[in-house]
PDB file of N, CA and C in Angstrom:
ATOM      1  N   MET A   1     -16.761 -15.267 -29.089  1.00  0.00           N
ATOM      2  CA  MET A   1     -15.619 -15.149 -28.200  1.00  0.00           C
ATOM      3  C   MET A   1     -15.984 -15.826 -26.869  1.00  0.00           C
ATOM      4  N   THR A   2     -15.103 -16.676 -26.395  1.00  0.00           N
ATOM      5  CA  THR A   2     -15.357 -17.382 -25.151  1.00  0.00           C
ATOM      6  C   THR A   2     -15.124 -16.465 -23.951  1.00  0.00           C
ATOM      7  N   LYS A   3     -15.604 -16.908 -22.792  1.00  0.00           N
ATOM      8  CA  LYS A   3     -15.432 -16.123 -21.567  1.00  0.00           C
ATOM      9  C   LYS A   3     -13.956 -15.967 -21.233  1.00  0.00           C
ATOM     10  N   GLN A   4     -13.161 -17.028 -21.435  1.00  0.00           N
ATOM     11  CA  GLN A   4     -11.725 -16.954 -21.153  1.00  0.00           C
ATOM     12  C   GLN A   4     -11.040 -15.941 -22.061  1.00  0.00           C
ATOM     13  N   MET A   5     -11.447 -15.900 -23.310  1.00  0.00           N
ATOM     14  CA  MET A   5     -10.850 -14.941 -24.243  1.00  0.00           C
ATOM     15  C   MET A   5     -11.220 -13.517 -23.835  1.00  0.00           C
ATOM     16  N   LYS A   6     -12.462 -13.314 -23.397  1.00  0.00           N
ATOM     17  CA  LYS A   6     -12.887 -11.982 -22.954  1.00  0.00           C
ATOM     18  C   LYS A   6     -12.086 -11.552 -21.733  1.00  0.00           C
ATOM     19  N   ASN A   7     -11.872 -12.484 -20.798  1.00  0.00           N
ATOM     20  CA  ASN A   7     -11.081 -12.164 -19.609  1.00  0.00           C
ATOM     21  C   ASN A   7      -9.643 -11.824 -19.971  1.00  0.00           C
ATOM     22  N   ALA A   8      -9.054 -12.578 -20.879  1.00  0.00           N
ATOM     23  CA  ALA A   8      -7.678 -12.312 -21.313  1.00  0.00           C
ATOM     24  C   ALA A   8      -7.594 -10.948 -21.991  1.00  0.00           C
ATOM     25  N   TYR A   9      -8.568 -10.652 -22.841  1.00  0.00           N
ATOM     26  CA  TYR A   9      -8.586  -9.361 -23.524  1.00  0.00           C
ATOM     27  C   TYR A   9      -8.714  -8.221 -22.513  1.00  0.00           C
ATOM     28  N   SER A  10      -9.587  -8.410 -21.516  1.00  0.00           N
ATOM     29  CA  SER A  10      -9.772  -7.388 -20.483  1.00  0.00           C
ATOM     30  C   SER A  10      -8.481  -7.148 -19.716  1.00  0.00           C
ATOM     31  N   LEU A  11      -7.767  -8.217 -19.377  1.00  0.00           N
ATOM     32  CA  LEU A  11      -6.494  -8.064 -18.668  1.00  0.00           C
ATOM     33  C   LEU A  11      -5.479  -7.310 -19.510  1.00  0.00           C
ATOM     34  N   LEU A  12      -5.410  -7.633 -20.789  1.00  0.00           N
ATOM     35  CA  LEU A  12      -4.464  -6.936 -21.670  1.00  0.00           C
ATOM     36  C   LEU A  12      -4.820  -5.466 -21.813  1.00  0.00           C
ATOM     37  N   ARG A  13      -6.094  -5.184 -21.933  1.00  0.00           N
ATOM     38  CA  ARG A  13      -6.544  -3.805 -22.129  1.00  0.00           C
ATOM     39  C   ARG A  13      -6.371  -2.979 -20.854  1.00  0.00           C
ATOM     40  N   ASN A  14      -6.650  -3.563 -19.702  1.00  0.00           N
ATOM     41  CA  ASN A  14      -6.627  -2.811 -18.446  1.00  0.00           C
ATOM     42  C   ASN A  14      -5.339  -2.997 -17.656  1.00  0.00           C
ATOM     43  N   GLY A  15      -4.463  -3.859 -18.107  1.00  0.00           N
ATOM     44  CA  GLY A  15      -3.238  -4.162 -17.381  1.00  0.00           C
ATOM     45  C   GLY A  15      -2.407  -2.946 -16.997  1.00  0.00           C
ATOM     46  N   PRO A  16      -2.103  -2.057 -17.936  1.00  0.00           N
ATOM     47  CA  PRO A  16      -1.279  -0.888 -17.581  1.00  0.00           C
ATOM     48  C   PRO A  16      -1.920  -0.006 -16.511  1.00  0.00           C
ATOM     49  N   HIS A  17      -3.244   0.130 -16.560  1.00  0.00           N
ATOM     50  CA  HIS A  17      -3.924   0.948 -15.556  1.00  0.00           C
ATOM     51  C   HIS A  17      -3.855   0.277 -14.183  1.00  0.00           C
ATOM     52  N   ARG A  18      -4.048  -1.025 -14.172  1.00  0.00           N
ATOM     53  CA  ARG A  18      -3.965  -1.747 -12.907  1.00  0.00           C
ATOM     54  C   ARG A  18      -2.558  -1.635 -12.326  1.00  0.00           C
ATOM     55  N   PHE A  19      -1.558  -1.772 -13.189  1.00  0.00           N
ATOM     56  CA  PHE A  19      -0.180  -1.663 -12.712  1.00  0.00           C
ATOM     57  C   PHE A  19       0.073  -0.284 -12.133  1.00  0.00           C
ATOM     58  N   ALA A  20      -0.375   0.751 -12.821  1.00  0.00           N
ATOM     59  CA  ALA A  20      -0.166   2.124 -12.347  1.00  0.00           C
ATOM     60  C   ALA A  20      -0.887   2.347 -11.016  1.00  0.00           C
ATOM     61  N   ASP A  21      -2.105   1.835 -10.898  1.00  0.00           N
ATOM     62  CA  ASP A  21      -2.853   1.983  -9.645  1.00  0.00           C
ATOM     63  C   ASP A  21      -2.151   1.248  -8.505  1.00  0.00           C
ATOM     64  N   THR A  22      -1.686   0.042  -8.781  1.00  0.00           N
ATOM     65  CA  THR A  22      -0.996  -0.746  -7.761  1.00  0.00           C
ATOM     66  C   THR A  22       0.301  -0.072  -7.355  1.00  0.00           C
ATOM     67  N   PHE A  23       1.059   0.397  -8.317  1.00  0.00           N
ATOM     68  CA  PHE A  23       2.319   1.071  -8.033  1.00  0.00           C
ATOM     69  C   PHE A  23       2.080   2.318  -7.186  1.00  0.00           C
ATOM     70  N   SER A  24       1.048   3.074  -7.514  1.00  0.00           N
ATOM     71  CA  SER A  24       0.708   4.276  -6.753  1.00  0.00           C
ATOM     72  C   SER A  24       0.329   3.921  -5.315  1.00  0.00           C
ATOM     73  N   LEU A  25      -0.452   2.872  -5.142  1.00  0.00           N
ATOM     74  CA  LEU A  25      -0.832   2.426  -3.807  1.00  0.00           C
ATOM     75  C   LEU A  25       0.395   2.036  -3.000  1.00  0.00           C
ATOM     76  N   TRP A  26       1.310   1.297  -3.613  1.00  0.00           N
ATOM     77  CA  TRP A  26       2.527   0.868  -2.920  1.00  0.00           C
ATOM     78  C   TRP A  26       3.368   2.071  -2.498  1.00  0.00           C
ATOM     79  N   ARG A  27       3.479   3.067  -3.363  1.00  0.00           N
ATOM     80  CA  ARG A  27       4.242   4.276  -3.015  1.00  0.00           C
ATOM     81  C   ARG A  27       3.606   4.998  -1.835  1.00  0.00           C
ATOM     82  N   GLU A  28       2.278   5.110  -1.841  1.00  0.00           N
ATOM     83  CA  GLU A  28       1.582   5.769  -0.742  1.00  0.00           C
ATOM     84  C   GLU A  28       1.791   5.019   0.570  1.00  0.00           C
ATOM     85  N   ARG A  29       1.684   3.685   0.525  1.00  0.00           N
ATOM     86  CA  ARG A  29       1.899   2.894   1.737  1.00  0.00           C
ATOM     87  C   ARG A  29       3.309   3.090   2.269  1.00  0.00           C
ATOM     88  N   SER A  30       4.274   3.013   1.374  1.00  0.00           N
ATOM     89  CA  SER A  30       5.670   3.146   1.782  1.00  0.00           C
ATOM     90  C   SER A  30       5.928   4.514   2.414  1.00  0.00           C
ATOM     91  N   ALA A  31       5.438   5.561   1.782  1.00  0.00           N
ATOM     92  CA  ALA A  31       5.641   6.920   2.307  1.00  0.00           C
ATOM     93  C   ALA A  31       4.942   7.099   3.647  1.00  0.00           C
ATOM     94  N   GLY A  32       3.730   6.589   3.770  1.00  0.00           N
ATOM     95  CA  GLY A  32       2.992   6.710   5.018  1.00  0.00           C
ATOM     96  C   GLY A  32       3.680   5.977   6.157  1.00  0.00           C
ATOM     97  N   ARG A  33       4.222   4.823   5.855  1.00  0.00           N
ATOM     98  CA  ARG A  33       4.920   4.051   6.885  1.00  0.00           C
ATOM     99  C   ARG A  33       6.219   4.729   7.302  1.00  0.00           C
ATOM    100  N   ARG A  34       6.894   5.349   6.348  1.00  0.00           N
ATOM    101  CA  ARG A  34       8.111   6.100   6.696  1.00  0.00           C
ATOM    102  C   ARG A  34       7.765   7.293   7.578  1.00  0.00           C
ATOM    103  N   ARG A  35       6.679   7.993   7.241  1.00  0.00           N
ATOM    104  CA  ARG A  35       6.260   9.149   8.050  1.00  0.00           C
ATOM    105  C   ARG A  35       5.847   8.712   9.452  1.00  0.00           C
ATOM    106  N   LEU A  36       5.133   7.611   9.556  1.00  0.00           N
ATOM    107  CA  LEU A  36       4.717   7.107  10.862  1.00  0.00           C
ATOM    108  C   LEU A  36       5.927   6.823  11.741  1.00  0.00           C
ATOM    109  N   ALA A  37       6.983   6.283  11.147  1.00  0.00           N
ATOM    110  CA  ALA A  37       8.193   5.952  11.906  1.00  0.00           C
ATOM    111  C   ALA A  37       8.899   7.199  12.436  1.00  0.00           C
ATOM    112  N   THR A  38       8.625   8.370  11.862  1.00  0.00           N
ATOM    113  CA  THR A  38       9.304   9.590  12.296  1.00  0.00           C
ATOM    114  C   THR A  38       8.557  10.336  13.400  1.00  0.00           C
ATOM    115  N   LEU A  39       7.325   9.910  13.712  1.00  0.00           N
ATOM    116  CA  LEU A  39       6.549  10.615  14.733  1.00  0.00           C
ATOM    117  C   LEU A  39       7.112  10.345  16.126  1.00  0.00           C
ATOM    118  N   ASN A  40       7.021  11.358  16.978  1.00  0.00           N
ATOM    119  CA  ASN A  40       7.467  11.150  18.360  1.00  0.00           C
ATOM    120  C   ASN A  40       6.350  10.455  19.147  1.00  0.00           C
ATOM    121  N   ASP A  41       6.659  10.039  20.371  1.00  0.00           N
ATOM    122  CA  ASP A  41       5.711   9.264  21.167  1.00  0.00           C
ATOM    123  C   ASP A  41       4.408  10.015  21.450  1.00  0.00           C
ATOM    124  N   ARG A  42       4.506  11.303  21.655  1.00  0.00           N
ATOM    125  CA  ARG A  42       3.293  12.091  21.916  1.00  0.00           C
ATOM    126  C   ARG A  42       2.389  12.128  20.684  1.00  0.00           C
ATOM    127  N   MET A  43       2.984  12.320  19.522  1.00  0.00           N
ATOM    128  CA  MET A  43       2.196  12.334  18.287  1.00  0.00           C
ATOM    129  C   MET A  43       1.561  10.961  18.042  1.00  0.00           C
ATOM    130  N   LEU A  44       2.324   9.916  18.309  1.00  0.00           N
ATOM    131  CA  LEU A  44       1.785   8.562  18.140  1.00  0.00           C
ATOM    132  C   LEU A  44       0.601   8.333  19.072  1.00  0.00           C
ATOM    133  N   ALA A  45       0.732   8.790  20.307  1.00  0.00           N
ATOM    134  CA  ALA A  45      -0.363   8.644  21.269  1.00  0.00           C
ATOM    135  C   ALA A  45      -1.601   9.403  20.802  1.00  0.00           C
ATOM    136  N   ASP A  46      -1.404  10.558  20.179  1.00  0.00           N
ATOM    137  CA  ASP A  46      -2.529  11.348  19.668  1.00  0.00           C
ATOM    138  C   ASP A  46      -3.326  10.592  18.607  1.00  0.00           C
ATOM    139  N   VAL A  47      -2.657   9.764  17.826  1.00  0.00           N
ATOM    140  CA  VAL A  47      -3.353   9.000  16.779  1.00  0.00           C
ATOM    141  C   VAL A  47      -3.657   7.570  17.211  1.00  0.00           C
ATOM    142  N   GLY A  48      -3.329   7.247  18.467  1.00  0.00           N
ATOM    143  CA  GLY A  48      -3.700   5.945  19.002  1.00  0.00           C
ATOM    144  C   GLY A  48      -2.722   4.823  18.773  1.00  0.00           C
ATOM    145  N   PHE A  49      -1.460   5.151  18.530  1.00  0.00           N
ATOM    146  CA  PHE A  49      -0.439   4.132  18.315  1.00  0.00           C
ATOM    147  C   PHE A  49       0.619   4.202  19.406  1.00  0.00           C
ATOM    148  N   SER A  50       1.191   3.061  19.715  1.00  0.00           N
ATOM    149  CA  SER A  50       2.351   3.027  20.602  1.00  0.00           C
ATOM    150  C   SER A  50       3.601   3.025  19.722  1.00  0.00           C
ATOM    151  N   ARG A  51       4.755   3.212  20.339  1.00  0.00           N
ATOM    152  CA  ARG A  51       6.019   3.151  19.600  1.00  0.00           C
ATOM    153  C   ARG A  51       6.177   1.765  18.969  1.00  0.00           C
ATOM    154  N   ALA A  52       5.811   0.711  19.711  1.00  0.00           N
ATOM    155  CA  ALA A  52       5.921  -0.656  19.178  1.00  0.00           C
ATOM    156  C   ALA A  52       5.010  -0.847  17.968  1.00  0.00           C
ATOM    157  N   ASP A  53       3.804  -0.290  18.023  1.00  0.00           N
ATOM    158  CA  ASP A  53       2.893  -0.368  16.873  1.00  0.00           C
ATOM    159  C   ASP A  53       3.518   0.308  15.655  1.00  0.00           C
ATOM    160  N   ALA A  54       4.040   1.501  15.856  1.00  0.00           N
ATOM    161  CA  ALA A  54       4.628   2.268  14.755  1.00  0.00           C
ATOM    162  C   ALA A  54       5.812   1.531  14.147  1.00  0.00           C
ATOM    163  N   GLU A  55       6.649   0.942  14.974  1.00  0.00           N
ATOM    164  CA  GLU A  55       7.808   0.212  14.462  1.00  0.00           C
ATOM    165  C   GLU A  55       7.380  -1.037  13.692  1.00  0.00           C
ATOM    166  N   ARG A  56       6.360  -1.723  14.208  1.00  0.00           N
ATOM    167  CA  ARG A  56       5.869  -2.917  13.522  1.00  0.00           C
ATOM    168  C   ARG A  56       5.282  -2.546  12.162  1.00  0.00           C
ATOM    169  N   ILE A  57       4.477  -1.496  12.127  1.00  0.00           N
ATOM    170  CA  ILE A  57       3.874  -1.055  10.872  1.00  0.00           C
ATOM    171  C   ILE A  57       4.947  -0.588   9.893  1.00  0.00           C
ATOM    172  N   ALA A  58       5.931   0.146  10.385  1.00  0.00           N
ATOM    173  CA  ALA A  58       7.002   0.663   9.519  1.00  0.00           C
ATOM    174  C   ALA A  58       7.823  -0.469   8.901  1.00  0.00           C
ATOM    175  N   ARG A  59       7.931  -1.595   9.590  1.00  0.00           N
ATOM    176  CA  ARG A  59       8.690  -2.733   9.056  1.00  0.00           C
ATOM    177  C   ARG A  59       7.891  -3.577   8.066  1.00  0.00           C
ATOM    178  N   THR A  60       6.586  -3.344   7.976  1.00  0.00           N
ATOM    179  CA  THR A  60       5.733  -4.121   7.080  1.00  0.00           C
ATOM    180  C   THR A  60       6.097  -3.784   5.633  1.00  0.00           C
ATOM    181  N   PRO A  61       6.311  -4.788   4.787  1.00  0.00           N
ATOM    182  CA  PRO A  61       6.641  -4.523   3.392  1.00  0.00           C
ATOM    183  C   PRO A  61       5.520  -3.741   2.693  1.00  0.00           C
ATOM    184  N   PHE A  62       5.890  -2.914   1.752  1.00  0.00           N
ATOM    185  CA  PHE A  62       4.910  -2.033   1.093  1.00  0.00           C
ATOM    186  C   PHE A  62       3.811  -2.793   0.368  1.00  0.00           C
ATOM    187  N   TRP A  63       4.055  -4.016  -0.041  1.00  0.00           N
ATOM    188  CA  TRP A  63       3.036  -4.750  -0.799  1.00  0.00           C
ATOM    189  C   TRP A  63       2.016  -5.420   0.110  1.00  0.00           C
ATOM    190  N   LYS A  64       2.252  -5.379   1.425  1.00  0.00           N
ATOM    191  CA  LYS A  64       1.282  -5.961   2.353  1.00  0.00           C
ATOM    192  C   LYS A  64       0.412  -4.869   2.938  1.00  0.00           C
ATOM    193  N   PRO A  65      -0.910  -5.098   2.957  1.00  0.00           N
ATOM    194  CA  PRO A  65      -1.808  -4.070   3.537  1.00  0.00           C
ATOM    195  C   PRO A  65      -1.620  -3.915   5.018  1.00  0.00           C
TER     196      PRO A  65
END
């Protein structure tokens, strides 16, 4: 079996797990960004963010880190 065939087989075998992990990560990012957008200015200051930072982060698409 060639290296390319092994890589293709690995992708097929692990693909569903990778998709599930990626989907879970995206959901967590999206939820965290929504929660960040709901914090008041005092709470944001406590965690070291400004309102502008929170709004910028909240607008970031879920697939971007």
